[in-house]
Amino acid sequence: MSPLILLIMVIALTSGTIITLMSSHWLLAWMGLEINTLAIIPIMIQHHHPRAVEATTKYFLIQATAATTLLFASTMNAWMTGLWEISQNTYPLSLTIITIALALKMGLAPMHSWLPDIMQGLSFYAGLILATWQKLAPFSLLLQSNNSSMTIFLGLLSVMVGGWGGLNQTQLRKILAYSSIAHLGWMLIVMQISPSLSLMTLITYIIMTFSLFNIFIMNNTTNINSLSTCWMKMPLLSTLTPLVLLSLGGLPPLTGFMPKWLILQELVKQDLVLMATVAALFTLLSLFFYLRLSYALALTIAPNTSSNTMPWRLVNKNMKMPTAITTMMTLLMLPLLPMLLAITI
C-alpha cells in the first residue's frame, strides 16, 4: 500500500471514531462507525495473504451485521419514542438490541468467537488497531446507554470467557484477543456504576496492550515457542517483557493491578460481593496464561540456552521510543493512577 493511501485510510479511521465519540444522534454515530469500519478494511488486507483476506472478509461481515442491527434498533427506538438521542433510549427492547449489537462490534462474550480467529489472520500492526482503537467508538456508545443489568451480565461473562479461552492457546495473537475480551469485561462490570473508573481502565489497558504488541513486533514472535529466541535478539527488553505480561494480568505492584483493585472495591461498595469474588477468581485464569508466557521467556534468559533455531538477526528499528515509553508506564505508573482517576471524574 502506498504511503498516500495509508495516510488517507488512517485519517478516515480517526475521523470515523471522532464522529462517533462526539455525536449525540444515533444516525451520526452509525455513520461514524461505518466510516471507521470501511477505513480499517484496506489496512487489514494490505498484506495479500489468504489468512489476511479471510480475516478481513469475516471482520467486514461481522461489523456489517452489527451496524445493521444497531441501525434497526435505533430506528425502532425513534419509532416508539420519537427520540434519536443516544442518551434517551427509553424503549427496553431497542435498548437490549443496541447493547447486543455494540457487544458484537467489540467482541464481547458471548458474541466473541470471531475476535481470536480474525486476530490470528492479521499482522501485529492491524491486530493492535483492532484490539485498542476499534474499541473506542462502541465503548463510548455503551457508556451513554443506560442498560446497567445487561452490561454487568455481559461484563462478567466476558471476564469468565476471556480467562477460560486463553488457557489452551499457543498463538500470541489469540492470547492477546482473549486478553482483550477479559479486560473489556472488567470495564463493562463497572461502566454504569463508575464511568470514570471504566474510562481509566480503558486507558490503562490501551497503554499496556500497546507496549506488549510492540515488544512482540520488535522480537518478531508469533507463538510461545518463538519467545525462546527473544533473549538472543534483545536481552534487556526480554527481561522486562515478563513484567509487562504480569502487569497486564493485574499482579501487584505493577500498573495493571490498580484498575482491578479499584473495580473490586467499587463492587463491594455496591453490595455486589459475589460478583466481585467471581471476577477476581476468573482473573486468576488470565494470570495463569500470562505466567505461561513469562515462564517461556524466563527459561531462556542467560545463562540458559535455547534449543530453537535462531532466526536472522534483523533488528526492527520501528517504534522503539513509543515502546520504551509505554513499557515504563506499564511498569511504573501505579502511583499515578489515582491522579488519573481524579482527572477523569
Protein backbone atom coordinates (compact mmCIF):
# COMPACT_ATOMS: atom_id res chain seq x y z
CA MET A 1 0.00 0.00 0.00
CA SER A 2 1.35 3.41 -0.96
CA PRO A 3 2.02 5.91 1.86
CA LEU A 4 -0.61 8.32 0.50
CA ILE A 5 -3.38 5.70 0.53
CA LEU A 6 -2.29 4.57 4.01
CA LEU A 7 -2.43 8.18 5.25
CA ILE A 8 -5.94 8.63 3.80
CA MET A 9 -7.11 5.41 5.47
CA VAL A 10 -5.64 6.42 8.85
CA ILE A 11 -7.29 9.86 8.63
CA ALA A 12 -10.63 8.25 7.74
CA LEU A 13 -10.23 5.75 10.58
CA THR A 14 -9.55 8.55 13.05
CA SER A 15 -12.37 10.71 11.68
CA GLY A 16 -14.93 7.92 11.94
CA THR A 17 -14.08 7.30 15.58
CA ILE A 18 -14.14 11.03 16.43
CA ILE A 19 -17.55 11.46 14.72
CA THR A 20 -18.98 8.67 16.87
CA LEU A 21 -17.36 9.99 20.05
CA MET A 22 -18.78 13.49 19.51
CA SER A 23 -22.24 12.56 18.28
CA SER A 24 -25.42 12.52 20.35
CA HIS A 25 -27.61 11.35 17.45
CA TRP A 26 -27.89 7.69 16.50
CA LEU A 27 -27.61 8.29 12.76
CA LEU A 28 -24.39 10.30 13.16
CA ALA A 29 -22.98 7.65 15.49
CA TRP A 30 -23.86 4.91 12.99
CA MET A 31 -22.25 6.93 10.18
CA GLY A 32 -19.03 7.27 12.21
CA LEU A 33 -18.97 3.52 12.88
CA GLU A 34 -19.38 2.76 9.17
CA ILE A 35 -16.60 5.17 8.15
CA ASN A 36 -14.41 3.56 10.80
CA THR A 37 -15.13 0.04 9.52
CA LEU A 38 -14.59 0.87 5.84
CA ALA A 39 -11.31 2.64 6.65
CA ILE A 40 -9.76 -0.27 8.52
CA ILE A 41 -10.55 -2.86 5.83
CA PRO A 42 -7.66 -1.82 3.48
CA ILE A 43 -5.28 -1.63 6.46
CA MET A 44 -6.19 -5.18 7.47
CA ILE A 45 -5.81 -6.58 3.97
CA GLN A 46 -2.67 -4.72 2.89
CA HIS A 47 -0.60 -7.92 3.23
CA HIS A 48 -2.03 -10.03 0.40
CA HIS A 49 -2.14 -13.34 2.21
CA PRO A 50 -5.05 -15.84 2.22
CA ARG A 51 -5.34 -15.64 6.02
CA ALA A 52 -5.49 -11.84 5.92
CA VAL A 53 -8.15 -11.95 3.18
CA GLU A 54 -10.21 -14.45 5.16
CA ALA A 55 -9.90 -12.46 8.39
CA THR A 56 -10.82 -9.20 6.66
CA THR A 57 -13.87 -10.76 4.98
CA LYS A 58 -15.05 -12.18 8.31
CA TYR A 59 -14.50 -8.84 10.01
CA PHE A 60 -16.47 -6.97 7.34
CA LEU A 61 -19.43 -9.37 7.61
CA ILE A 62 -19.47 -9.23 11.42
CA GLN A 63 -19.26 -5.42 11.51
CA ALA A 64 -21.92 -5.06 8.79
CA THR A 65 -24.25 -7.33 10.78
CA ALA A 66 -23.65 -5.36 13.99
CA ALA A 67 -24.12 -2.00 12.23
CA THR A 68 -27.36 -3.15 10.59
CA THR A 69 -28.70 -4.40 13.92
CA LEU A 70 -27.71 -1.11 15.57
CA LEU A 71 -29.47 0.94 12.89
CA PHE A 72 -32.58 -1.25 13.17
CA ALA A 73 -32.71 -0.90 16.98
CA SER A 74 -32.14 2.87 16.94
CA THR A 75 -34.86 3.27 14.28
CA MET A 76 -37.20 1.16 16.44
CA ASN A 77 -36.45 3.37 19.42
CA ALA A 78 -37.14 6.51 17.36
CA TRP A 79 -40.40 4.98 16.08
CA MET A 80 -41.60 4.13 19.60
CA THR A 81 -40.39 7.22 21.49
CA GLY A 82 -39.85 9.89 18.81
CA LEU A 83 -36.26 10.45 20.05
CA TRP A 84 -32.96 9.96 18.18
CA GLU A 85 -30.70 10.99 21.06
CA ILE A 86 -28.29 8.30 22.23
CA SER A 87 -28.91 9.01 25.91
CA GLN A 88 -32.72 8.82 25.51
CA ASN A 89 -33.19 5.07 25.00
CA THR A 90 -36.39 4.51 26.95
CA TYR A 91 -37.78 1.56 24.95
CA PRO A 92 -36.48 -1.64 26.66
CA LEU A 93 -36.40 -3.93 23.60
CA SER A 94 -34.45 -1.50 21.42
CA LEU A 95 -32.02 -0.81 24.28
CA THR A 96 -31.33 -4.54 24.65
CA ILE A 97 -30.77 -4.97 20.90
CA ILE A 98 -28.45 -1.93 20.81
CA THR A 99 -26.37 -3.35 23.69
CA ILE A 100 -26.09 -6.72 21.92
CA ALA A 101 -25.09 -5.05 18.63
CA LEU A 102 -22.38 -2.99 20.34
CA ALA A 103 -21.15 -6.10 22.18
CA LEU A 104 -20.89 -7.86 18.80
CA LYS A 105 -18.90 -4.93 17.42
CA MET A 106 -16.45 -5.02 20.34
CA GLY A 107 -16.16 -8.80 20.55
CA LEU A 108 -17.69 -9.26 24.00
CA ALA A 109 -18.87 -12.66 25.20
CA PRO A 110 -21.00 -14.47 24.13
CA MET A 111 -20.51 -12.75 20.72
CA HIS A 112 -16.73 -13.13 20.97
CA SER A 113 -15.84 -16.12 18.81
CA TRP A 114 -14.90 -14.02 15.76
CA LEU A 115 -12.23 -11.97 17.54
CA PRO A 116 -9.49 -14.63 18.14
CA ASP A 117 -9.83 -16.04 14.61
CA ILE A 118 -9.62 -12.63 12.99
CA MET A 119 -6.69 -11.53 15.18
CA GLN A 120 -4.81 -14.67 14.20
CA GLY A 121 -5.12 -13.84 10.49
CA LEU A 122 -3.89 -10.24 10.80
CA SER A 123 -0.47 -8.68 11.17
CA PHE A 124 0.51 -7.39 14.61
CA TYR A 125 0.01 -3.77 13.49
CA ALA A 126 -3.56 -4.41 12.30
CA GLY A 127 -4.20 -6.52 15.40
CA LEU A 128 -3.03 -3.64 17.60
CA ILE A 129 -5.54 -1.28 15.96
CA LEU A 130 -8.28 -3.89 16.29
CA ALA A 131 -7.54 -4.51 19.99
CA THR A 132 -7.27 -0.84 21.03
CA TRP A 133 -8.53 1.90 18.69
CA GLN A 134 -11.53 -0.05 17.38
CA LYS A 135 -12.92 -0.38 20.90
CA LEU A 136 -13.25 3.37 21.49
CA ALA A 137 -16.33 4.16 19.41
CA PRO A 138 -18.57 1.25 20.60
CA PHE A 139 -17.30 1.83 24.14
CA SER A 140 -18.47 5.46 24.07
CA LEU A 141 -21.93 4.40 22.85
CA LEU A 142 -22.21 1.77 25.59
CA LEU A 143 -21.16 4.40 28.10
CA GLN A 144 -24.02 6.68 27.02
CA SER A 145 -26.69 3.98 27.09
CA ASN A 146 -28.34 3.11 30.39
CA ASN A 147 -28.69 -0.67 30.30
CA SER A 148 -26.92 -1.43 33.58
CA SER A 149 -28.10 -5.02 34.15
CA MET A 150 -27.26 -6.10 30.59
CA THR A 151 -23.78 -4.54 30.61
CA ILE A 152 -22.93 -6.08 34.00
CA PHE A 153 -24.03 -9.52 32.76
CA LEU A 154 -22.00 -9.19 29.54
CA GLY A 155 -19.02 -7.91 31.51
CA LEU A 156 -19.00 -10.81 33.96
CA LEU A 157 -19.43 -13.33 31.13
CA SER A 158 -16.56 -11.73 29.21
CA VAL A 159 -14.25 -11.97 32.24
CA MET A 160 -15.09 -15.68 32.52
CA VAL A 161 -14.73 -16.44 28.80
CA GLY A 162 -11.54 -14.36 28.48
CA GLY A 163 -9.97 -16.37 31.30
CA TRP A 164 -11.08 -19.81 30.10
CA GLY A 165 -10.43 -19.19 26.41
CA GLY A 166 -6.78 -18.21 26.74
CA LEU A 167 -5.72 -21.25 28.75
CA ASN A 168 -5.15 -23.66 25.87
CA GLN A 169 -3.72 -21.19 23.32
CA THR A 170 -0.18 -21.18 21.96
CA GLN A 171 -0.53 -18.37 19.39
CA LEU A 172 0.26 -14.96 20.85
CA ARG A 173 -2.34 -13.09 18.82
CA LYS A 174 -5.13 -15.38 20.06
CA ILE A 175 -3.91 -14.96 23.64
CA LEU A 176 -4.00 -11.18 23.20
CA ALA A 177 -7.53 -11.46 21.77
CA TYR A 178 -8.76 -13.35 24.85
CA SER A 179 -6.91 -10.83 27.00
CA SER A 180 -8.86 -8.08 25.25
CA ILE A 181 -12.15 -9.88 25.94
CA ALA A 182 -11.32 -10.26 29.65
CA HIS A 183 -10.23 -6.63 30.09
CA LEU A 184 -13.32 -5.32 28.30
CA GLY A 185 -15.37 -7.43 30.69
CA TRP A 186 -13.81 -5.61 33.66
CA MET A 187 -14.66 -2.26 32.05
CA LEU A 188 -18.29 -3.28 31.47
CA ILE A 189 -18.79 -4.56 35.01
CA VAL A 190 -18.14 -1.11 36.46
CA MET A 191 -19.32 1.00 33.50
CA GLN A 192 -22.73 2.00 34.86
CA ILE A 193 -21.55 2.21 38.48
CA SER A 194 -18.48 4.42 37.91
CA PRO A 195 -17.95 5.60 34.29
CA SER A 196 -14.72 7.43 35.19
CA LEU A 197 -13.20 4.25 36.62
CA SER A 198 -14.22 2.35 33.49
CA LEU A 199 -12.57 5.01 31.32
CA MET A 200 -9.38 4.88 33.39
CA THR A 201 -9.32 1.08 32.99
CA LEU A 202 -9.62 1.50 29.21
CA ILE A 203 -6.71 3.98 29.10
CA THR A 204 -4.54 1.69 31.22
CA TYR A 205 -5.42 -1.32 29.04
CA ILE A 206 -4.51 0.55 25.85
CA ILE A 207 -1.11 1.56 27.27
CA MET A 208 -0.28 -1.99 28.40
CA THR A 209 -1.50 -3.63 25.19
CA PHE A 210 0.38 -1.13 23.00
CA SER A 211 3.57 -1.95 24.91
CA LEU A 212 3.13 -5.73 24.61
CA PHE A 213 2.19 -5.66 20.90
CA ASN A 214 5.26 -3.57 20.09
CA ILE A 215 7.53 -5.91 22.06
CA PHE A 216 6.23 -8.84 20.03
CA ILE A 217 6.64 -6.85 16.80
CA MET A 218 10.24 -5.93 17.62
CA ASN A 219 11.12 -9.53 18.53
CA ASN A 220 9.14 -10.96 15.58
CA THR A 221 7.45 -13.58 17.75
CA THR A 222 4.11 -15.17 16.89
CA ASN A 223 3.82 -18.15 19.28
CA ILE A 224 5.05 -19.35 22.66
CA ASN A 225 7.93 -21.39 21.21
CA SER A 226 9.36 -18.40 19.36
CA LEU A 227 9.61 -16.49 22.66
CA SER A 228 12.68 -18.59 23.49
CA THR A 229 14.79 -16.68 20.96
CA CYS A 230 13.97 -13.22 22.35
CA TRP A 231 16.91 -13.11 24.75
CA MET A 232 19.44 -13.53 21.95
CA LYS A 233 17.97 -10.63 20.00
CA MET A 234 17.02 -8.08 22.69
CA PRO A 235 18.25 -9.06 26.17
CA LEU A 236 17.04 -6.02 28.12
CA LEU A 237 13.61 -5.97 26.51
CA SER A 238 13.26 -9.72 27.12
CA THR A 239 13.99 -9.13 30.80
CA LEU A 240 11.21 -6.52 31.04
CA THR A 241 8.64 -8.46 28.99
CA PRO A 242 7.59 -10.85 31.84
CA LEU A 243 6.88 -7.79 34.00
CA VAL A 244 4.74 -6.29 31.22
CA LEU A 245 2.82 -9.58 30.93
CA LEU A 246 2.25 -9.77 34.68
CA SER A 247 1.14 -6.12 34.70
CA LEU A 248 -1.46 -6.98 32.07
CA GLY A 249 -2.56 -9.83 34.31
CA GLY A 250 -3.05 -7.45 37.24
CA LEU A 251 -0.27 -8.55 39.58
CA PRO A 252 0.76 -6.02 42.27
CA PRO A 253 2.74 -3.77 42.47
CA LEU A 254 2.53 -3.26 38.68
CA THR A 255 0.22 -0.83 36.85
CA GLY A 256 -2.46 -3.35 35.84
CA PHE A 257 -3.25 -4.11 39.49
CA MET A 258 -4.74 -0.71 40.32
CA PRO A 259 -7.81 -0.71 37.97
CA LYS A 260 -8.87 -4.21 39.08
CA TRP A 261 -8.39 -3.32 42.73
CA LEU A 262 -10.49 -0.16 42.37
CA ILE A 263 -13.19 -2.05 40.43
CA LEU A 264 -13.40 -4.75 43.12
CA GLN A 265 -13.58 -2.05 45.78
CA GLU A 266 -16.42 -0.31 43.90
CA LEU A 267 -18.34 -3.58 43.50
CA VAL A 268 -18.05 -4.29 47.23
CA LYS A 269 -19.33 -0.77 47.99
CA GLN A 270 -22.39 -1.52 45.84
CA ASP A 271 -23.01 -4.79 47.78
CA LEU A 272 -22.04 -6.90 44.76
CA VAL A 273 -19.69 -9.09 46.77
CA LEU A 274 -20.50 -12.32 44.90
CA MET A 275 -19.82 -10.68 41.52
CA ALA A 276 -16.52 -9.24 42.79
CA THR A 277 -15.50 -12.69 44.05
CA VAL A 278 -16.31 -14.41 40.74
CA ALA A 279 -14.47 -11.74 38.74
CA ALA A 280 -11.40 -11.99 40.98
CA LEU A 281 -11.34 -15.79 40.75
CA PHE A 282 -11.57 -15.81 36.96
CA THR A 283 -8.79 -13.23 36.78
CA LEU A 284 -6.53 -15.96 38.15
CA LEU A 285 -7.13 -17.88 34.91
CA SER A 286 -5.97 -14.89 32.88
CA LEU A 287 -2.95 -14.53 35.16
CA PHE A 288 -2.11 -18.20 34.51
CA PHE A 289 -1.68 -17.83 30.76
CA TYR A 290 0.35 -14.66 31.25
CA LEU A 291 2.54 -16.69 33.61
CA ARG A 292 2.94 -19.31 30.86
CA LEU A 293 4.36 -16.67 28.54
CA SER A 294 6.58 -15.28 31.29
CA TYR A 295 7.84 -18.79 32.05
CA ALA A 296 8.66 -19.42 28.38
CA LEU A 297 10.64 -16.18 28.31
CA ALA A 298 12.41 -16.67 31.64
CA LEU A 299 13.60 -20.18 30.76
CA THR A 300 15.84 -18.83 28.02
CA ILE A 301 17.36 -15.88 29.87
CA ALA A 302 21.14 -16.33 30.28
CA PRO A 303 22.92 -18.48 31.31
CA ASN A 304 20.31 -20.93 29.98
CA THR A 305 20.33 -21.92 26.32
CA SER A 306 17.58 -22.42 23.77
CA SER A 307 17.16 -25.44 21.51
CA ASN A 308 15.20 -23.44 18.95
CA THR A 309 16.65 -22.41 15.62
CA MET A 310 17.91 -18.85 15.75
CA PRO A 311 16.32 -16.61 13.10
CA TRP A 312 18.14 -13.92 11.20
CA ARG A 313 19.18 -11.05 13.45
CA LEU A 314 17.27 -8.37 11.62
CA VAL A 315 16.83 -5.54 14.09
CA ASN A 316 13.43 -3.85 13.93
CA LYS A 317 14.11 -0.15 14.40
CA ASN A 318 10.47 0.90 14.23
CA MET A 319 8.54 2.13 17.29
CA LYS A 320 11.49 1.98 19.70
CA MET A 321 10.70 5.22 21.52
CA PRO A 322 6.91 4.58 21.87
CA THR A 323 7.70 1.06 23.07
CA ALA A 324 10.13 2.39 25.69
CA ILE A 325 7.64 5.00 26.94
CA THR A 326 4.65 2.63 27.16
CA THR A 327 6.75 -0.12 28.75
CA MET A 328 7.92 2.21 31.50
CA MET A 329 4.33 3.40 32.01
CA THR A 330 3.16 -0.22 32.20
CA LEU A 331 5.71 -0.98 34.90
CA LEU A 332 5.83 2.25 36.91
CA MET A 333 2.51 4.10 36.51
CA LEU A 334 0.79 2.59 39.55
CA PRO A 335 1.29 5.65 41.86
CA LEU A 336 -0.09 7.98 39.17
CA LEU A 337 -3.38 6.13 38.58
CA PRO A 338 -5.31 7.80 41.45
CA MET A 339 -4.39 11.17 39.94
CA LEU A 340 -5.53 9.92 36.52
CA LEU A 341 -8.81 8.80 38.05
CA ALA A 342 -9.28 12.22 39.67
CA ILE A 343 -8.73 13.89 36.29
CA THR A 344 -11.32 11.69 34.53
CA ILE A 345 -14.03 12.32 37.12
